[in-house]
Amino acid sequence: MSINVGFIGLGTIGEPMAATLLRAGFTLTICGHKNMTPVERLHGQGARVVANSREVAASSEVVVVCVPDAPQVDDVCLGDDGIVHGATPGTIVVDCSTIAPTESQRIAAALRARGILMLDAPVSGGPARAATGELAIMVGGEPGVFARAKPVLDALGKNVAHIGPNGMGEVIKLANNTILGSLMIAIAEAFTMATKAGADAAAARDVIMKSAGANFLLDQWLRDRMLKDNYDPGFATALMQKDLGAALETAKSLGVPMMMTGLAYQLYELAEGQGYAGQDYSAVSKIYQDAADITIATGKSRK
């Protein structure tokens, strides 16, 4: 590809996204990271490594950002060594982080004042879909900017949708995660109850997948998580709690009640307090499994 792309934020989902861009033929520039292992792996695949976000921007027409929360996006974009100090006017920042819409709009406005364009483009699908370029990407920003960045977005996602102006991608992503966060809790409750009653969890899943309760999490997530008692990092519990908090803040500013989301937020906070912050967000099920003294994967006591 003829577009020079930069990538900042090489975490659980950022690293496979960057690797996907390399496989698609983009010239990719990345920067140092607290954990240098992903940097070294990507360097071995052909990425150019520089020292900081400013140097990434200086080499790139499009800079993809994928970091945990608004303070990190602010630092990457506007900090002392941020994109704003290295990018030329017309550079596009594609922020794939999930943050509050108001924060995304503020950062976009600060960049635009320097001639730098921004799309908020949060992603859904987890590391597996990031690795295959099949993410769902919800994009907010100007149509012309979206059109220029679309070759990069199309390499990363199978379902790329321009939703509206800056901030609207974040709104839709928070709506998505509001559903996922509560649905995971419903699944945890249902399967803990069924397993405690003596049902085989895998058989229960197969039946429900042919019933009205079928959903993406049962199809793609439960099989590799609760059914294997495996909560290795995927989408972290702490990140789900953060996103639900951002959804609650957004709803409050709009005068929208979100009682179920408030309870879900507290349950993920409880899971964090019990030491599951870095585990996959399906670890919220452990609250129920521990309380019921049953392991969904085996049907046996957790003691």
Protein backbone atom coordinates (compact mmCIF):
# COMPACT_ATOMS: atom_id res chain seq x y z
CA MET A 1 0.00 0.00 0.00
CA SER A 2 1.16 3.54 -0.72
CA ILE A 3 -0.18 5.01 2.54
CA ASN A 4 2.41 5.41 5.31
CA VAL A 5 0.72 4.31 8.53
CA GLY A 6 1.77 4.77 12.13
CA PHE A 7 0.50 2.69 15.03
CA ILE A 8 0.59 3.65 18.72
CA GLY A 9 -0.62 1.28 21.43
CA LEU A 10 0.51 -2.32 20.97
CA GLY A 11 -1.50 -4.06 23.63
CA THR A 12 -3.69 -7.16 23.50
CA ILE A 13 -5.69 -5.88 20.55
CA GLY A 14 -3.30 -3.26 19.16
CA GLU A 15 -0.52 -5.72 18.35
CA PRO A 16 -2.66 -8.00 16.13
CA MET A 17 -4.16 -4.91 14.46
CA ALA A 18 -0.66 -3.65 13.62
CA ALA A 19 0.36 -7.09 12.35
CA THR A 20 -2.73 -7.13 10.12
CA LEU A 21 -1.68 -3.82 8.56
CA LEU A 22 1.77 -5.22 7.84
CA ARG A 23 0.27 -8.27 6.15
CA ALA A 24 -1.92 -5.97 4.07
CA GLY A 25 1.23 -4.33 2.72
CA PHE A 26 1.22 -0.99 4.51
CA THR A 27 4.48 0.69 5.48
CA LEU A 28 4.17 0.76 9.26
CA THR A 29 5.96 2.87 11.86
CA ILE A 30 5.58 2.06 15.56
CA CYS A 31 7.12 3.46 18.73
CA GLY A 32 8.61 2.19 21.94
CA HIS A 33 6.34 0.65 24.51
CA LYS A 34 6.53 -0.17 28.22
CA ASN A 35 6.44 -3.80 27.16
CA MET A 36 8.94 -4.01 24.31
CA THR A 37 8.09 -7.61 23.37
CA PRO A 38 5.26 -6.64 20.96
CA VAL A 39 7.51 -3.96 19.46
CA GLU A 40 10.24 -6.53 18.83
CA ARG A 41 7.78 -8.99 17.30
CA LEU A 42 6.39 -6.37 14.93
CA HIS A 43 9.87 -5.14 14.06
CA GLY A 44 10.65 -8.71 13.04
CA GLN A 45 7.63 -8.59 10.72
CA GLY A 46 8.82 -5.43 9.02
CA ALA A 47 7.68 -2.49 11.14
CA ARG A 48 9.95 0.51 11.56
CA VAL A 49 10.55 1.43 15.21
CA VAL A 50 11.00 5.01 16.46
CA ALA A 51 11.21 6.54 19.90
CA ASN A 52 7.85 8.21 20.52
CA SER A 53 4.48 9.33 19.18
CA ARG A 54 5.93 12.54 17.71
CA GLU A 55 8.34 10.54 15.56
CA VAL A 56 5.59 8.11 14.51
CA ALA A 57 3.49 11.07 13.31
CA ALA A 58 6.40 12.63 11.44
CA SER A 59 6.63 9.49 9.25
CA SER A 60 2.92 8.85 8.75
CA GLU A 61 -0.06 10.03 6.76
CA VAL A 62 -2.45 8.08 8.99
CA VAL A 63 -1.73 7.34 12.65
CA VAL A 64 -3.79 4.62 14.35
CA VAL A 65 -4.05 4.94 18.14
CA CYS A 66 -5.25 2.10 20.38
CA VAL A 67 -4.70 2.86 24.07
CA PRO A 68 -6.78 2.18 27.21
CA ASP A 69 -8.49 5.48 28.09
CA ALA A 70 -8.81 9.22 27.53
CA PRO A 71 -5.71 10.27 29.53
CA GLN A 72 -3.54 8.04 27.34
CA VAL A 73 -5.19 9.31 24.14
CA ASP A 74 -4.61 12.88 25.32
CA ASP A 75 -0.94 12.18 26.05
CA VAL A 76 -0.36 10.36 22.74
CA CYS A 77 -2.03 13.14 20.76
CA LEU A 78 -1.31 16.33 22.71
CA GLY A 79 1.50 15.51 25.16
CA ASP A 80 5.08 16.80 25.10
CA ASP A 81 6.13 14.08 22.63
CA GLY A 82 2.68 13.75 21.11
CA ILE A 83 1.40 13.49 17.57
CA VAL A 84 0.61 17.20 17.47
CA HIS A 85 4.34 18.02 17.54
CA GLY A 86 5.31 15.73 14.67
CA ALA A 87 2.38 15.60 12.27
CA THR A 88 2.06 17.80 9.22
CA PRO A 89 -1.28 19.48 8.43
CA GLY A 90 -3.68 17.00 6.88
CA THR A 91 -2.39 14.01 8.85
CA ILE A 92 -5.25 11.80 10.02
CA VAL A 93 -5.41 10.34 13.52
CA VAL A 94 -7.64 7.25 13.74
CA ASP A 95 -8.34 6.69 17.41
CA CYS A 96 -9.50 3.12 18.00
CA SER A 97 -9.60 3.55 21.79
CA THR A 98 -12.91 3.49 23.63
CA ILE A 99 -13.31 6.74 25.55
CA ALA A 100 -16.07 9.18 26.50
CA PRO A 101 -17.48 10.99 23.43
CA THR A 102 -16.90 14.41 25.01
CA GLU A 103 -13.21 13.61 25.52
CA SER A 104 -12.88 12.40 21.93
CA GLN A 105 -14.49 15.61 20.66
CA ARG A 106 -12.19 17.74 22.82
CA ILE A 107 -9.05 16.03 21.53
CA ALA A 108 -10.31 16.20 17.93
CA ALA A 109 -10.88 19.95 18.28
CA ALA A 110 -7.40 20.51 19.73
CA LEU A 111 -5.82 18.57 16.85
CA ARG A 112 -7.91 20.38 14.23
CA ALA A 113 -6.65 23.70 15.56
CA ARG A 114 -3.23 22.53 14.36
CA GLY A 115 -4.50 21.24 11.03
CA ILE A 116 -4.55 17.58 12.10
CA LEU A 117 -7.70 15.57 11.38
CA MET A 118 -9.21 12.93 13.63
CA LEU A 119 -11.65 10.05 13.44
CA ASP A 120 -12.91 8.22 16.50
CA ALA A 121 -13.03 4.60 15.37
CA PRO A 122 -13.50 2.23 18.33
CA VAL A 123 -13.42 -1.44 17.44
CA SER A 124 -15.27 -4.58 18.48
CA GLY A 125 -14.35 -8.22 18.01
CA GLY A 126 -11.40 -8.84 20.31
CA PRO A 127 -7.87 -10.04 19.54
CA ALA A 128 -9.01 -12.95 17.35
CA ARG A 129 -10.83 -10.72 14.87
CA ALA A 130 -8.07 -8.11 15.08
CA ALA A 131 -5.65 -10.79 13.88
CA THR A 132 -7.80 -11.66 10.87
CA GLY A 133 -8.81 -8.11 9.91
CA GLU A 134 -12.46 -8.77 10.70
CA LEU A 135 -13.15 -6.20 13.39
CA ALA A 136 -16.35 -4.17 13.50
CA ILE A 137 -15.34 -0.50 13.41
CA MET A 138 -17.68 2.36 14.32
CA VAL A 139 -16.40 5.65 12.93
CA GLY A 140 -17.19 9.24 13.85
CA GLY A 141 -15.80 12.19 11.90
CA GLU A 142 -16.07 14.12 8.68
CA PRO A 143 -17.05 12.09 5.59
CA GLY A 144 -14.06 13.32 3.58
CA VAL A 145 -11.62 12.31 6.31
CA PHE A 146 -13.31 8.92 6.57
CA ALA A 147 -12.95 8.41 2.81
CA ARG A 148 -9.21 9.14 2.96
CA ALA A 149 -8.65 6.75 5.87
CA LYS A 150 -10.94 4.01 4.55
CA PRO A 151 -8.19 1.86 2.95
CA VAL A 152 -6.57 1.54 6.38
CA LEU A 153 -9.89 0.88 8.11
CA ASP A 154 -10.88 -1.70 5.49
CA ALA A 155 -7.66 -3.62 6.17
CA LEU A 156 -8.51 -3.75 9.88
CA GLY A 157 -12.22 -4.46 9.73
CA LYS A 158 -14.79 -6.44 7.86
CA ASN A 159 -17.64 -4.22 9.03
CA VAL A 160 -16.62 -0.56 8.83
CA ALA A 161 -19.41 1.96 9.32
CA HIS A 162 -19.31 5.75 9.24
CA ILE A 163 -21.83 6.65 11.94
CA GLY A 164 -21.75 10.45 12.04
CA PRO A 165 -19.66 13.40 13.30
CA ASN A 166 -16.76 13.26 15.77
CA GLY A 167 -17.75 11.43 18.93
CA MET A 168 -20.52 9.36 17.41
CA GLY A 169 -18.30 6.31 16.93
CA GLU A 170 -17.64 6.39 20.67
CA VAL A 171 -21.37 6.70 21.41
CA ILE A 172 -22.15 3.56 19.42
CA LYS A 173 -19.21 1.64 20.92
CA LEU A 174 -20.39 2.49 24.43
CA ALA A 175 -23.88 1.30 23.47
CA ASN A 176 -22.35 -1.94 22.18
CA ASN A 177 -20.34 -2.52 25.35
CA THR A 178 -23.31 -1.66 27.53
CA ILE A 179 -25.10 -4.60 25.90
CA LEU A 180 -22.07 -6.91 26.13
CA GLY A 181 -21.34 -6.08 29.75
CA SER A 182 -24.86 -6.83 30.91
CA LEU A 183 -25.23 -9.87 28.62
CA MET A 184 -22.09 -11.47 30.04
CA ILE A 185 -23.55 -11.15 33.52
CA ALA A 186 -26.84 -12.69 32.38
CA ILE A 187 -24.93 -15.61 30.86
CA ALA A 188 -22.92 -16.03 34.08
CA GLU A 189 -26.10 -16.17 36.16
CA ALA A 190 -27.90 -18.54 33.81
CA PHE A 191 -25.06 -21.02 33.39
CA THR A 192 -24.17 -21.03 37.08
CA MET A 193 -27.80 -21.86 37.86
CA ALA A 194 -28.01 -24.53 35.16
CA THR A 195 -24.71 -26.15 36.17
CA LYS A 196 -25.61 -26.15 39.85
CA ALA A 197 -28.87 -27.90 38.91
CA GLY A 198 -26.83 -30.66 37.24
CA ALA A 199 -26.94 -29.61 33.58
CA ASP A 200 -23.94 -30.09 31.31
CA ALA A 201 -22.87 -26.55 30.36
CA ALA A 202 -21.68 -27.47 26.86
CA ALA A 203 -24.94 -29.26 26.09
CA ALA A 204 -26.90 -26.32 27.49
CA ARG A 205 -25.01 -23.97 25.22
CA ASP A 206 -25.73 -26.09 22.16
CA VAL A 207 -29.47 -26.09 22.88
CA ILE A 208 -29.66 -22.38 23.63
CA MET A 209 -27.76 -21.58 20.43
CA LYS A 210 -30.72 -23.08 18.58
CA SER A 211 -33.20 -21.12 20.68
CA ALA A 212 -34.23 -17.51 21.17
CA GLY A 213 -31.40 -16.98 23.67
CA ALA A 214 -28.71 -17.44 20.98
CA ASN A 215 -26.17 -14.61 20.84
CA PHE A 216 -22.60 -13.80 19.84
CA LEU A 217 -21.14 -14.30 23.31
CA LEU A 218 -22.60 -17.81 23.58
CA ASP A 219 -21.41 -18.60 20.09
CA GLN A 220 -17.88 -17.20 20.22
CA TRP A 221 -16.98 -16.43 23.84
CA LEU A 222 -18.52 -18.94 26.24
CA ARG A 223 -16.99 -21.91 24.41
CA ASP A 224 -13.41 -20.70 24.92
CA ARG A 225 -13.91 -19.07 28.33
CA MET A 226 -16.38 -20.41 30.88
CA LEU A 227 -16.57 -23.86 29.28
CA LYS A 228 -12.79 -24.21 29.64
CA ASP A 229 -12.49 -22.32 32.94
CA ASN A 230 -10.12 -20.08 30.99
CA TYR A 231 -10.04 -16.37 31.74
CA ASP A 232 -6.74 -15.44 30.13
CA PRO A 233 -6.57 -11.80 29.01
CA GLY A 234 -8.83 -10.96 26.11
CA PHE A 235 -10.97 -7.91 26.80
CA ALA A 236 -10.04 -7.17 30.39
CA THR A 237 -12.52 -6.87 33.24
CA ALA A 238 -11.00 -3.49 34.12
CA LEU A 239 -11.60 -2.22 30.58
CA MET A 240 -15.23 -3.34 30.61
CA GLN A 241 -15.74 -1.55 33.91
CA LYS A 242 -14.10 1.56 32.45
CA ASP A 243 -16.37 1.50 29.41
CA LEU A 244 -19.50 1.03 31.49
CA GLY A 245 -18.39 3.99 33.58
CA ALA A 246 -18.03 6.10 30.44
CA ALA A 247 -21.50 5.00 29.31
CA LEU A 248 -22.96 6.00 32.68
CA GLU A 249 -21.26 9.40 32.53
CA THR A 250 -22.57 9.97 29.01
CA ALA A 251 -26.07 8.90 30.02
CA LYS A 252 -26.01 11.22 33.02
CA SER A 253 -25.08 14.19 30.83
CA LEU A 254 -28.05 13.35 28.58
CA GLY A 255 -30.55 12.71 31.36
CA VAL A 256 -30.90 9.03 30.44
CA PRO A 257 -31.45 6.48 33.27
CA MET A 258 -29.32 3.32 33.02
CA MET A 259 -30.19 1.26 36.08
CA MET A 260 -29.08 -2.11 34.70
CA THR A 261 -25.76 -0.65 33.54
CA GLY A 262 -25.23 0.81 37.01
CA LEU A 263 -25.57 -2.64 38.57
CA ALA A 264 -23.31 -4.18 35.91
CA TYR A 265 -20.67 -1.53 36.65
CA GLN A 266 -20.73 -2.47 40.34
CA LEU A 267 -20.43 -6.19 39.57
CA TYR A 268 -17.36 -5.64 37.38
CA GLU A 269 -15.96 -3.44 40.14
CA LEU A 270 -16.51 -6.32 42.55
CA ALA A 271 -14.72 -8.66 40.13
CA GLU A 272 -11.81 -6.23 40.03
CA GLY A 273 -11.71 -6.16 43.82
CA GLN A 274 -11.50 -9.93 43.87
CA GLY A 275 -8.38 -9.85 41.72
CA TYR A 276 -9.85 -10.37 38.25
CA ALA A 277 -9.08 -6.92 36.79
CA GLY A 278 -6.56 -8.19 34.24
CA GLN A 279 -8.49 -11.31 33.33
CA ASP A 280 -11.01 -11.50 30.52
CA TYR A 281 -14.30 -9.83 31.41
CA SER A 282 -16.03 -13.22 31.43
CA ALA A 283 -14.26 -13.61 34.79
CA VAL A 284 -17.23 -11.73 36.24
CA SER A 285 -18.82 -15.20 36.19
CA LYS A 286 -16.46 -16.23 38.99
CA ILE A 287 -18.47 -14.09 41.38
CA TYR A 288 -21.44 -16.39 40.76
CA GLN A 289 -19.46 -19.62 40.53
CA ASP A 290 -17.67 -18.87 43.81
CA ALA A 291 -20.92 -17.98 45.58
CA ALA A 292 -22.64 -21.14 44.32
CA ASP A 293 -19.53 -23.31 44.84
CA ILE A 294 -19.74 -24.73 41.33
CA THR A 295 -17.42 -24.65 38.32
CA ILE A 296 -19.30 -24.15 35.06
CA ALA A 297 -16.61 -25.96 33.04
CA THR A 298 -16.67 -29.16 35.11
CA GLY A 299 -19.86 -29.16 37.17
CA LYS A 300 -17.69 -29.73 40.26
CA SER A 301 -17.10 -27.81 43.48
CA ARG A 302 -14.64 -24.92 43.31
CA LYS A 303 -13.09 -25.88 46.65
